[in-house]
Every structure is written in structure tokens, then in C-alpha cells.
Amino acid sequence: MTLAIIAGRGDLPALVAAAADEVPLICGYEGIVLSGLEADLKFRLETLGTLLLDLGTRGVTQVCFAGGLDRPALDPSKLDAETLPLVPMFMQALQEGDDGALRVVVDLFEKTGFTVLGAHDVAPQLLAKGGVYGAEWPDAQMRKDAQVAATHILEMSAEDKGQACIVAQGKVKAMEDVRGTDAMLVDLSGVVDGILFKGPKENQTRKVDLPTVGPGTLESAHRAGLRGVVVDAGDVLVLNPEKCAALADEHKLVFWARTGE
């Protein structure tokens, strides 16, 4: 096998693995329970150097990061000999914002000789296709709110806060932070006729951490009392799109992938 998936939480790793041309090697971060997959290898930040060597020994040439990972803390007592030289790079990454940290990790794998693939490179069918999923269509206000949201995400890119926000009647009501989209929706209150928007930050690497929505996103948006979920076509991953469309219909939500904006 030449492809390794660095797997995190959620359904994305299993969907990417199923779409691969060959059976991939699954690398799971210690302490994370994988969904629909078994890890062939376990690792942690303090043993990443050993993982890189192991992947090379096994003939792996391509690596794909898929699924959620919390930013780890570095425990010096657990460092192995192969990882010790990487500590300065780790310290730089841990001081960066989310996107900056991901760029450091991607750079480390590429400098070691691996080709880093985005989840959409392995499973292009997961990219949001332009149009409406389901029966409900966006009205003029929702289209305006989506543009406000997209502009806000781009304007906040330098602060590296998140890839999602809530907009209602032309005003930004909430912005995703390091806790993620679900936490933002749980905290939401008093928003009428709002939408959840997800899209990439400006100059965001597409190799890791593209915005993702799935059935759970639709359920959370419904519980939060929102009117719809809007994403940018071609820049957001949609997990289980048929189920997402069915949930949008069940809850009378708009699920729309914008094009041309």
C-alpha cells in the first residue's frame, strides 16, 4: 500500500478510505476512537518521528489527513529519539493558529518526502456540488445573508478563528472558534431566520481541514432553530449528501451550495 490516512474523529476517514484506489494504511491518533475503521498504527505527537520512519519503511508515498483532531499538548516525558529533533517545529506549530499549525504539519510530511493529498483528492465526490440539496430553496434574504457570511469569513481569515458563522437579517450573530461548529450552534439563542454558513478562510490550504458538513450539521442547525445551511460549492466537503438532503426536507431546512459567488 502506498497511501496512509491520518485519521481523526467523524465519518470522513472511513469515506475517504472507501474511495481510495487501494486499501490504505490507517494511522489513528492515540486516544481517539475511529468511526467505521480500525487503526493499523497508533501514534501521538511525541512519536511522530517514528511514525514518519515507519511509513517510509512500509512503502507509503502519499498521506491524507481526514477527520477531526484536537490540538495536542506536548509531553516531553513521552518523546522518543526519532521525534526529539522535531521539537522546535512542534513548538512553532503549537504557537500558530489552527491554519498555521496545519501548514507546519503539512510542511513536515512534505519535507520528509511524502505527497500530502487533500480528502477531496482521494474522494472528489465529497466536494459540495452547486445547487440545492432537497426541496427548500433560498429566498432573496438568505442569498444576501450568505454573502454577508462569506465576506465575514474572509475578513476574519487573518485571525484564524474558524470556517463557519451564523448570519440573520444581514447581521453576523456568531462566529465559530476553536471549539467547532457544534459548540457554536449549542450556544446560539434568540436568533430568528438565521443561516449557518461554512466556507474556507482566505489562502487556506486545501490539503488539510477543508470545511465539512454532514447529517449531524443539519440536525444541529435544526435544533438551533435556523432556516438553512449554506456552503460554497467546490470548497466544502459534504458527507452522506443523500442523508443530508433527506434531513433538510424532514426539517424544512434549506441546504444550498452556492456557485459563482
C-alpha atoms as a PDB file:
ATOM      1  CA  MET A   1       0.000   0.000   0.000  1.00  0.00           C
ATOM      2  CA  THR A   2       1.252   3.479  -0.827  1.00  0.00           C
ATOM      3  CA  LEU A   3      -1.457   5.646   0.801  1.00  0.00           C
ATOM      4  CA  ALA A   4      -1.740   6.317   4.526  1.00  0.00           C
ATOM      5  CA  ILE A   5      -4.714   8.081   6.104  1.00  0.00           C
ATOM      6  CA  ILE A   6      -4.009  10.079   9.249  1.00  0.00           C
ATOM      7  CA  ALA A   7      -7.453   9.501  10.712  1.00  0.00           C
ATOM      8  CA  GLY A   8      -9.315  11.605  13.239  1.00  0.00           C
ATOM      9  CA  ARG A   9     -12.867  11.721  14.544  1.00  0.00           C
ATOM     10  CA  GLY A  10     -16.029  11.539  12.464  1.00  0.00           C
ATOM     11  CA  ASP A  11     -17.178   9.808   9.294  1.00  0.00           C
ATOM     12  CA  LEU A  12     -14.719  11.427   6.874  1.00  0.00           C
ATOM     13  CA  PRO A  13     -11.786   8.976   7.329  1.00  0.00           C
ATOM     14  CA  ALA A  14     -13.941   5.933   6.511  1.00  0.00           C
ATOM     15  CA  LEU A  15     -15.466   7.663   3.473  1.00  0.00           C
ATOM     16  CA  VAL A  16     -12.020   8.610   2.168  1.00  0.00           C
ATOM     17  CA  ALA A  17     -10.699   5.090   2.797  1.00  0.00           C
ATOM     18  CA  ALA A  18     -13.635   3.589   0.887  1.00  0.00           C
ATOM     19  CA  ALA A  19     -12.966   5.875  -2.091  1.00  0.00           C
ATOM     20  CA  ALA A  20      -9.229   5.097  -2.316  1.00  0.00           C
ATOM     21  CA  ASP A  21      -7.955   3.101  -5.286  1.00  0.00           C
ATOM     22  CA  GLU A  22      -6.171   0.740  -2.907  1.00  0.00           C
ATOM     23  CA  VAL A  23      -6.619  -0.313   0.698  1.00  0.00           C
ATOM     24  CA  PRO A  24      -4.893   2.456   2.690  1.00  0.00           C
ATOM     25  CA  LEU A  25      -2.870   2.195   5.876  1.00  0.00           C
ATOM     26  CA  ILE A  26      -4.927   3.718   8.718  1.00  0.00           C
ATOM     27  CA  CYS A  27      -2.982   5.727  11.299  1.00  0.00           C
ATOM     28  CA  GLY A  28      -5.019   6.655  14.367  1.00  0.00           C
ATOM     29  CA  TYR A  29      -4.058   9.212  16.989  1.00  0.00           C
ATOM     30  CA  GLU A  30      -3.772   7.652  20.419  1.00  0.00           C
ATOM     31  CA  GLY A  31      -6.945   8.182  22.458  1.00  0.00           C
ATOM     32  CA  ILE A  32      -9.244   8.905  19.507  1.00  0.00           C
ATOM     33  CA  VAL A  33     -11.965   6.370  18.733  1.00  0.00           C
ATOM     34  CA  LEU A  34     -12.305   5.964  14.972  1.00  0.00           C
ATOM     35  CA  SER A  35     -15.689   5.617  13.272  1.00  0.00           C
ATOM     36  CA  GLY A  36     -16.055   2.704  10.856  1.00  0.00           C
ATOM     37  CA  LEU A  37     -12.315   1.975  10.782  1.00  0.00           C
ATOM     38  CA  GLU A  38      -9.648   0.106  12.719  1.00  0.00           C
ATOM     39  CA  ALA A  39      -6.231   1.695  13.088  1.00  0.00           C
ATOM     40  CA  ASP A  40      -3.297  -0.226  11.639  1.00  0.00           C
ATOM     41  CA  LEU A  41      -0.910   2.061  13.524  1.00  0.00           C
ATOM     42  CA  LYS A  42      -1.319   4.235  16.615  1.00  0.00           C
ATOM     43  CA  PHE A  43       0.776   7.330  17.230  1.00  0.00           C
ATOM     44  CA  ARG A  44       0.934  10.533  19.240  1.00  0.00           C
ATOM     45  CA  LEU A  45       2.704  13.855  18.763  1.00  0.00           C
ATOM     46  CA  GLU A  46       5.676  12.667  20.809  1.00  0.00           C
ATOM     47  CA  THR A  47       6.211   9.664  18.478  1.00  0.00           C
ATOM     48  CA  LEU A  48       5.582  11.396  15.140  1.00  0.00           C
ATOM     49  CA  GLY A  49       9.187  10.990  14.053  1.00  0.00           C
ATOM     50  CA  THR A  50       8.909   7.229  14.475  1.00  0.00           C
ATOM     51  CA  LEU A  51       5.644   7.244  12.515  1.00  0.00           C
ATOM     52  CA  LEU A  52       7.330   9.031   9.609  1.00  0.00           C
ATOM     53  CA  LEU A  53      10.078   6.409   9.539  1.00  0.00           C
ATOM     54  CA  ASP A  54       7.570   3.574   9.800  1.00  0.00           C
ATOM     55  CA  LEU A  55       5.506   4.917   6.900  1.00  0.00           C
ATOM     56  CA  GLY A  56       8.595   5.126   4.716  1.00  0.00           C
ATOM     57  CA  THR A  57       9.647   1.602   5.637  1.00  0.00           C
ATOM     58  CA  ARG A  58       6.203   0.315   4.663  1.00  0.00           C
ATOM     59  CA  GLY A  59       6.444   1.913   1.221  1.00  0.00           C
ATOM     60  CA  VAL A  60       3.945   4.705   1.854  1.00  0.00           C
ATOM     61  CA  THR A  61       4.423   7.648  -0.516  1.00  0.00           C
ATOM     62  CA  GLN A  62       1.135   9.548  -0.082  1.00  0.00           C
ATOM     63  CA  VAL A  63      -0.558  10.781   3.087  1.00  0.00           C
ATOM     64  CA  CYS A  64      -4.095  12.103   3.545  1.00  0.00           C
ATOM     65  CA  PHE A  65      -5.326  13.819   6.712  1.00  0.00           C
ATOM     66  CA  ALA A  66      -9.021  13.192   7.356  1.00  0.00           C
ATOM     67  CA  GLY A  67     -11.221  13.763  10.389  1.00  0.00           C
ATOM     68  CA  GLY A  68     -11.116  15.940  13.480  1.00  0.00           C
ATOM     69  CA  LEU A  69      -8.073  16.194  15.740  1.00  0.00           C
ATOM     70  CA  ASP A  70      -7.748  18.341  18.839  1.00  0.00           C
ATOM     71  CA  ARG A  71      -4.585  20.382  19.109  1.00  0.00           C
ATOM     72  CA  PRO A  72      -2.364  18.163  21.281  1.00  0.00           C
ATOM     73  CA  ALA A  73      -0.187  19.184  24.190  1.00  0.00           C
ATOM     74  CA  LEU A  74       3.458  18.116  24.029  1.00  0.00           C
ATOM     75  CA  ASP A  75       4.548  15.834  26.890  1.00  0.00           C
ATOM     76  CA  PRO A  76       8.384  15.899  26.953  1.00  0.00           C
ATOM     77  CA  SER A  77       8.499  12.709  29.028  1.00  0.00           C
ATOM     78  CA  LYS A  78       6.961  10.728  26.147  1.00  0.00           C
ATOM     79  CA  LEU A  79       9.272  11.943  23.374  1.00  0.00           C
ATOM     80  CA  ASP A  80      11.128   9.177  21.553  1.00  0.00           C
ATOM     81  CA  ALA A  81      14.569   9.539  19.981  1.00  0.00           C
ATOM     82  CA  GLU A  82      13.266   9.923  16.425  1.00  0.00           C
ATOM     83  CA  THR A  83      10.895  12.717  17.381  1.00  0.00           C
ATOM     84  CA  LEU A  84      13.234  14.775  19.582  1.00  0.00           C
ATOM     85  CA  PRO A  85      14.801  16.675  16.631  1.00  0.00           C
ATOM     86  CA  LEU A  86      11.317  17.787  15.571  1.00  0.00           C
ATOM     87  CA  VAL A  87      10.512  19.572  18.840  1.00  0.00           C
ATOM     88  CA  PRO A  88      11.412  23.096  17.563  1.00  0.00           C
ATOM     89  CA  MET A  89       8.964  22.610  14.686  1.00  0.00           C
ATOM     90  CA  PHE A  90       6.288  21.338  17.094  1.00  0.00           C
ATOM     91  CA  MET A  91       6.725  24.363  19.331  1.00  0.00           C
ATOM     92  CA  GLN A  92       6.291  26.668  16.349  1.00  0.00           C
ATOM     93  CA  ALA A  93       3.137  24.818  15.291  1.00  0.00           C
ATOM     94  CA  LEU A  94       1.599  24.907  18.763  1.00  0.00           C
ATOM     95  CA  GLN A  95       2.027  28.697  18.858  1.00  0.00           C
ATOM     96  CA  GLU A  96       0.350  29.193  15.479  1.00  0.00           C
ATOM     97  CA  GLY A  97      -3.375  29.471  14.843  1.00  0.00           C
ATOM     98  CA  ASP A  98      -5.192  26.421  13.511  1.00  0.00           C
ATOM     99  CA  ASP A  99      -4.334  27.055   9.863  1.00  0.00           C
ATOM    100  CA  GLY A 100      -0.746  27.967  10.677  1.00  0.00           C
ATOM    101  CA  ALA A 101      -0.291  24.798  12.707  1.00  0.00           C
ATOM    102  CA  LEU A 102      -1.692  22.687   9.881  1.00  0.00           C
ATOM    103  CA  ARG A 103       0.706  24.275   7.414  1.00  0.00           C
ATOM    104  CA  VAL A 104       3.626  23.339   9.669  1.00  0.00           C
ATOM    105  CA  VAL A 105       2.447  19.718   9.841  1.00  0.00           C
ATOM    106  CA  VAL A 106       1.919  19.500   6.072  1.00  0.00           C
ATOM    107  CA  ASP A 107       5.356  21.015   5.537  1.00  0.00           C
ATOM    108  CA  LEU A 108       6.916  18.401   7.847  1.00  0.00           C
ATOM    109  CA  PHE A 109       5.416  15.491   5.910  1.00  0.00           C
ATOM    110  CA  GLU A 110       6.347  17.013   2.556  1.00  0.00           C
ATOM    111  CA  LYS A 111       9.941  17.693   3.633  1.00  0.00           C
ATOM    112  CA  THR A 112      10.148  14.061   4.703  1.00  0.00           C
ATOM    113  CA  GLY A 113       9.269  13.060   1.146  1.00  0.00           C
ATOM    114  CA  PHE A 114       5.543  12.310   1.313  1.00  0.00           C
ATOM    115  CA  THR A 115       2.954  13.737  -1.055  1.00  0.00           C
ATOM    116  CA  VAL A 116       0.138  15.200   1.034  1.00  0.00           C
ATOM    117  CA  LEU A 117      -3.293  14.745  -0.545  1.00  0.00           C
ATOM    118  CA  GLY A 118      -6.480  16.512   0.437  1.00  0.00           C
ATOM    119  CA  ALA A 119      -9.508  14.379   1.283  1.00  0.00           C
ATOM    120  CA  HIS A 120     -11.100  15.690  -1.909  1.00  0.00           C
ATOM    121  CA  ASP A 121      -8.118  14.442  -3.946  1.00  0.00           C
ATOM    122  CA  VAL A 122      -8.874  10.887  -2.835  1.00  0.00           C
ATOM    123  CA  ALA A 123     -12.666  11.272  -2.758  1.00  0.00           C
ATOM    124  CA  PRO A 124     -13.602  14.124  -5.152  1.00  0.00           C
ATOM    125  CA  GLN A 125     -17.272  13.143  -4.973  1.00  0.00           C
ATOM    126  CA  LEU A 126     -17.379  14.582  -1.450  1.00  0.00           C
ATOM    127  CA  LEU A 127     -16.932  18.178  -2.644  1.00  0.00           C
ATOM    128  CA  ALA A 128     -20.157  20.172  -2.499  1.00  0.00           C
ATOM    129  CA  LYS A 129     -21.827  20.349  -5.882  1.00  0.00           C
ATOM    130  CA  GLY A 130     -23.521  23.596  -6.790  1.00  0.00           C
ATOM    131  CA  GLY A 131     -27.246  23.791  -6.227  1.00  0.00           C
ATOM    132  CA  VAL A 132     -29.885  22.951  -3.674  1.00  0.00           C
ATOM    133  CA  TYR A 133     -29.936  19.671  -1.794  1.00  0.00           C
ATOM    134  CA  GLY A 134     -33.581  18.905  -1.076  1.00  0.00           C
ATOM    135  CA  ALA A 135     -36.847  20.688  -1.751  1.00  0.00           C
ATOM    136  CA  GLU A 136     -36.433  24.028   0.065  1.00  0.00           C
ATOM    137  CA  TRP A 137     -34.910  26.918  -1.901  1.00  0.00           C
ATOM    138  CA  PRO A 138     -33.126  30.064  -0.664  1.00  0.00           C
ATOM    139  CA  ASP A 139     -35.014  33.321  -0.870  1.00  0.00           C
ATOM    140  CA  ALA A 140     -33.546  36.766  -1.522  1.00  0.00           C
ATOM    141  CA  GLN A 141     -32.793  37.423   2.160  1.00  0.00           C
ATOM    142  CA  MET A 142     -30.966  34.132   2.550  1.00  0.00           C
ATOM    143  CA  ARG A 143     -28.859  34.898  -0.507  1.00  0.00           C
ATOM    144  CA  LYS A 144     -27.937  38.278   0.982  1.00  0.00           C
ATOM    145  CA  ASP A 145     -27.153  36.690   4.347  1.00  0.00           C
ATOM    146  CA  ALA A 146     -24.934  34.096   2.671  1.00  0.00           C
ATOM    147  CA  GLN A 147     -22.916  36.844   1.016  1.00  0.00           C
ATOM    148  CA  VAL A 148     -22.567  38.674   4.346  1.00  0.00           C
ATOM    149  CA  ALA A 149     -21.354  35.437   5.934  1.00  0.00           C
ATOM    150  CA  ALA A 150     -18.846  34.660   3.193  1.00  0.00           C
ATOM    151  CA  THR A 151     -17.427  38.177   3.384  1.00  0.00           C
ATOM    152  CA  HIS A 152     -17.139  37.896   7.165  1.00  0.00           C
ATOM    153  CA  ILE A 153     -15.222  34.598   6.963  1.00  0.00           C
ATOM    154  CA  LEU A 154     -12.749  36.176   4.537  1.00  0.00           C
ATOM    155  CA  GLU A 155     -12.359  39.318   6.635  1.00  0.00           C
ATOM    156  CA  MET A 156     -11.669  37.235   9.751  1.00  0.00           C
ATOM    157  CA  SER A 157      -9.176  34.966   7.999  1.00  0.00           C
ATOM    158  CA  ALA A 158      -6.139  36.718   9.475  1.00  0.00           C
ATOM    159  CA  GLU A 159      -7.390  35.942  12.983  1.00  0.00           C
ATOM    160  CA  ASP A 160      -7.664  32.230  12.077  1.00  0.00           C
ATOM    161  CA  LYS A 161     -10.811  31.772  14.155  1.00  0.00           C
ATOM    162  CA  GLY A 162     -13.000  29.422  12.168  1.00  0.00           C
ATOM    163  CA  GLN A 163     -14.743  28.440   8.972  1.00  0.00           C
ATOM    164  CA  ALA A 164     -18.360  28.969   9.988  1.00  0.00           C
ATOM    165  CA  CYS A 165     -20.656  31.719  11.198  1.00  0.00           C
ATOM    166  CA  ILE A 166     -24.321  32.471  11.797  1.00  0.00           C
ATOM    167  CA  VAL A 167     -25.986  35.355   9.968  1.00  0.00           C
ATOM    168  CA  ALA A 168     -29.565  36.627  10.271  1.00  0.00           C
ATOM    169  CA  GLN A 169     -31.132  39.605   8.537  1.00  0.00           C
ATOM    170  CA  GLY A 170     -27.765  40.817   7.303  1.00  0.00           C
ATOM    171  CA  LYS A 171     -26.004  40.683  10.677  1.00  0.00           C
ATOM    172  CA  VAL A 172     -23.372  38.244  11.954  1.00  0.00           C
ATOM    173  CA  LYS A 173     -24.727  36.649  15.130  1.00  0.00           C
ATOM    174  CA  ALA A 174     -21.981  34.137  15.969  1.00  0.00           C
ATOM    175  CA  MET A 175     -18.557  33.028  14.753  1.00  0.00           C
ATOM    176  CA  GLU A 176     -17.010  29.591  15.082  1.00  0.00           C
ATOM    177  CA  ASP A 177     -13.997  29.324  17.392  1.00  0.00           C
ATOM    178  CA  VAL A 178     -11.606  26.504  18.314  1.00  0.00           C
ATOM    179  CA  ARG A 179     -14.472  24.521  19.895  1.00  0.00           C
ATOM    180  CA  GLY A 180     -16.038  23.932  16.490  1.00  0.00           C
ATOM    181  CA  THR A 181     -19.362  24.378  14.713  1.00  0.00           C
ATOM    182  CA  ASP A 182     -21.457  22.229  17.043  1.00  0.00           C
ATOM    183  CA  ALA A 183     -20.431  24.253  20.104  1.00  0.00           C
ATOM    184  CA  MET A 184     -21.322  27.491  18.307  1.00  0.00           C
ATOM    185  CA  LEU A 185     -24.778  26.119  17.496  1.00  0.00           C
ATOM    186  CA  VAL A 186     -25.366  24.828  21.026  1.00  0.00           C
ATOM    187  CA  ASP A 187     -24.573  28.283  22.429  1.00  0.00           C
ATOM    188  CA  LEU A 188     -26.850  30.045  19.945  1.00  0.00           C
ATOM    189  CA  SER A 189     -30.009  31.658  21.291  1.00  0.00           C
ATOM    190  CA  GLY A 190     -32.511  34.281  20.223  1.00  0.00           C
ATOM    191  CA  VAL A 191     -31.611  34.162  16.518  1.00  0.00           C
ATOM    192  CA  VAL A 192     -34.587  34.409  14.173  1.00  0.00           C
ATOM    193  CA  ASP A 193     -34.417  33.411  10.491  1.00  0.00           C
ATOM    194  CA  GLY A 194     -30.701  32.709  10.692  1.00  0.00           C
ATOM    195  CA  ILE A 195     -28.452  30.598   8.499  1.00  0.00           C
ATOM    196  CA  LEU A 196     -25.304  28.591   9.159  1.00  0.00           C
ATOM    197  CA  PHE A 197     -22.619  29.342   6.584  1.00  0.00           C
ATOM    198  CA  LYS A 198     -19.435  27.317   6.096  1.00  0.00           C
ATOM    199  CA  GLY A 199     -16.604  28.188   3.736  1.00  0.00           C
ATOM    200  CA  PRO A 200     -12.800  28.270   3.614  1.00  0.00           C
ATOM    201  CA  LYS A 201     -10.686  31.058   5.001  1.00  0.00           C
ATOM    202  CA  GLU A 202      -8.637  33.220   2.651  1.00  0.00           C
ATOM    203  CA  ASN A 203      -5.495  31.434   1.411  1.00  0.00           C
ATOM    204  CA  GLN A 204      -6.403  28.329   3.385  1.00  0.00           C
ATOM    205  CA  THR A 205      -4.509  25.200   2.403  1.00  0.00           C
ATOM    206  CA  ARG A 206      -6.811  22.719   0.671  1.00  0.00           C
ATOM    207  CA  LYS A 207      -4.621  19.790   1.700  1.00  0.00           C
ATOM    208  CA  VAL A 208      -5.936  19.692   5.265  1.00  0.00           C
ATOM    209  CA  ASP A 209      -9.063  20.789   7.108  1.00  0.00           C
ATOM    210  CA  LEU A 210     -11.446  21.833   4.342  1.00  0.00           C
ATOM    211  CA  PRO A 211     -14.774  22.868   5.897  1.00  0.00           C
ATOM    212  CA  THR A 212     -17.076  19.873   6.290  1.00  0.00           C
ATOM    213  CA  VAL A 213     -20.811  19.391   6.784  1.00  0.00           C
ATOM    214  CA  GLY A 214     -22.801  16.216   7.242  1.00  0.00           C
ATOM    215  CA  PRO A 215     -26.060  14.892   8.658  1.00  0.00           C
ATOM    216  CA  GLY A 216     -25.050  15.995  12.147  1.00  0.00           C
ATOM    217  CA  THR A 217     -24.687  19.564  10.884  1.00  0.00           C
ATOM    218  CA  LEU A 218     -28.252  19.556   9.564  1.00  0.00           C
ATOM    219  CA  GLU A 219     -29.564  18.138  12.841  1.00  0.00           C
ATOM    220  CA  SER A 220     -27.675  20.754  14.876  1.00  0.00           C
ATOM    221  CA  ALA A 221     -28.899  23.577  12.645  1.00  0.00           C
ATOM    222  CA  HIS A 222     -32.470  22.377  13.105  1.00  0.00           C
ATOM    223  CA  ARG A 223     -32.126  22.208  16.896  1.00  0.00           C
ATOM    224  CA  ALA A 224     -30.704  25.749  16.861  1.00  0.00           C
ATOM    225  CA  GLY A 225     -33.793  26.999  15.027  1.00  0.00           C
ATOM    226  CA  LEU A 226     -32.002  28.048  11.854  1.00  0.00           C
ATOM    227  CA  ARG A 227     -33.595  28.353   8.405  1.00  0.00           C
ATOM    228  CA  GLY A 228     -30.821  26.744   6.472  1.00  0.00           C
ATOM    229  CA  VAL A 229     -27.249  25.640   5.916  1.00  0.00           C
ATOM    230  CA  VAL A 230     -25.260  27.309   3.145  1.00  0.00           C
ATOM    231  CA  VAL A 231     -21.834  26.287   1.819  1.00  0.00           C
ATOM    232  CA  ASP A 232     -19.591  27.299  -1.049  1.00  0.00           C
ATOM    233  CA  ALA A 233     -19.684  24.743  -3.846  1.00  0.00           C
ATOM    234  CA  GLY A 234     -16.321  23.148  -4.582  1.00  0.00           C
ATOM    235  CA  ASP A 235     -14.776  24.380  -1.323  1.00  0.00           C
ATOM    236  CA  VAL A 236     -16.664  22.356   1.318  1.00  0.00           C
ATOM    237  CA  LEU A 237     -16.935  18.601   1.874  1.00  0.00           C
ATOM    238  CA  VAL A 238     -20.446  17.140   2.165  1.00  0.00           C
ATOM    239  CA  LEU A 239     -20.630  13.800   3.976  1.00  0.00           C
ATOM    240  CA  ASN A 240     -23.538  11.499   3.079  1.00  0.00           C
ATOM    241  CA  PRO A 241     -25.253  14.053   0.800  1.00  0.00           C
ATOM    242  CA  GLU A 242     -28.371  11.923   0.275  1.00  0.00           C
ATOM    243  CA  LYS A 243     -28.993  11.749   4.005  1.00  0.00           C
ATOM    244  CA  CYS A 244     -28.290  15.465   4.311  1.00  0.00           C
ATOM    245  CA  ALA A 245     -30.915  16.196   1.654  1.00  0.00           C
ATOM    246  CA  ALA A 246     -33.428  13.918   3.379  1.00  0.00           C
ATOM    247  CA  LEU A 247     -32.854  15.660   6.722  1.00  0.00           C
ATOM    248  CA  ALA A 248     -33.187  19.082   5.082  1.00  0.00           C
ATOM    249  CA  ASP A 249     -36.586  18.022   3.731  1.00  0.00           C
ATOM    250  CA  GLU A 250     -37.643  16.472   7.034  1.00  0.00           C
ATOM    251  CA  HIS A 251     -36.819  19.642   8.963  1.00  0.00           C
ATOM    252  CA  LYS A 252     -37.881  22.107   6.234  1.00  0.00           C
ATOM    253  CA  LEU A 253     -34.347  23.468   6.014  1.00  0.00           C
ATOM    254  CA  VAL A 254     -32.632  24.983   3.011  1.00  0.00           C
ATOM    255  CA  PHE A 255     -29.359  23.191   2.215  1.00  0.00           C
ATOM    256  CA  TRP A 256     -27.690  25.180  -0.526  1.00  0.00           C
ATOM    257  CA  ALA A 257     -24.240  25.067  -2.156  1.00  0.00           C
ATOM    258  CA  ARG A 258     -23.586  28.493  -3.703  1.00  0.00           C
ATOM    259  CA  THR A 259     -21.850  28.789  -7.048  1.00  0.00           C
ATOM    260  CA  GLY A 260     -20.317  31.776  -8.790  1.00  0.00           C
ATOM    261  CA  GLU A 261     -20.090  33.973  -5.689  1.00  0.00           C
END
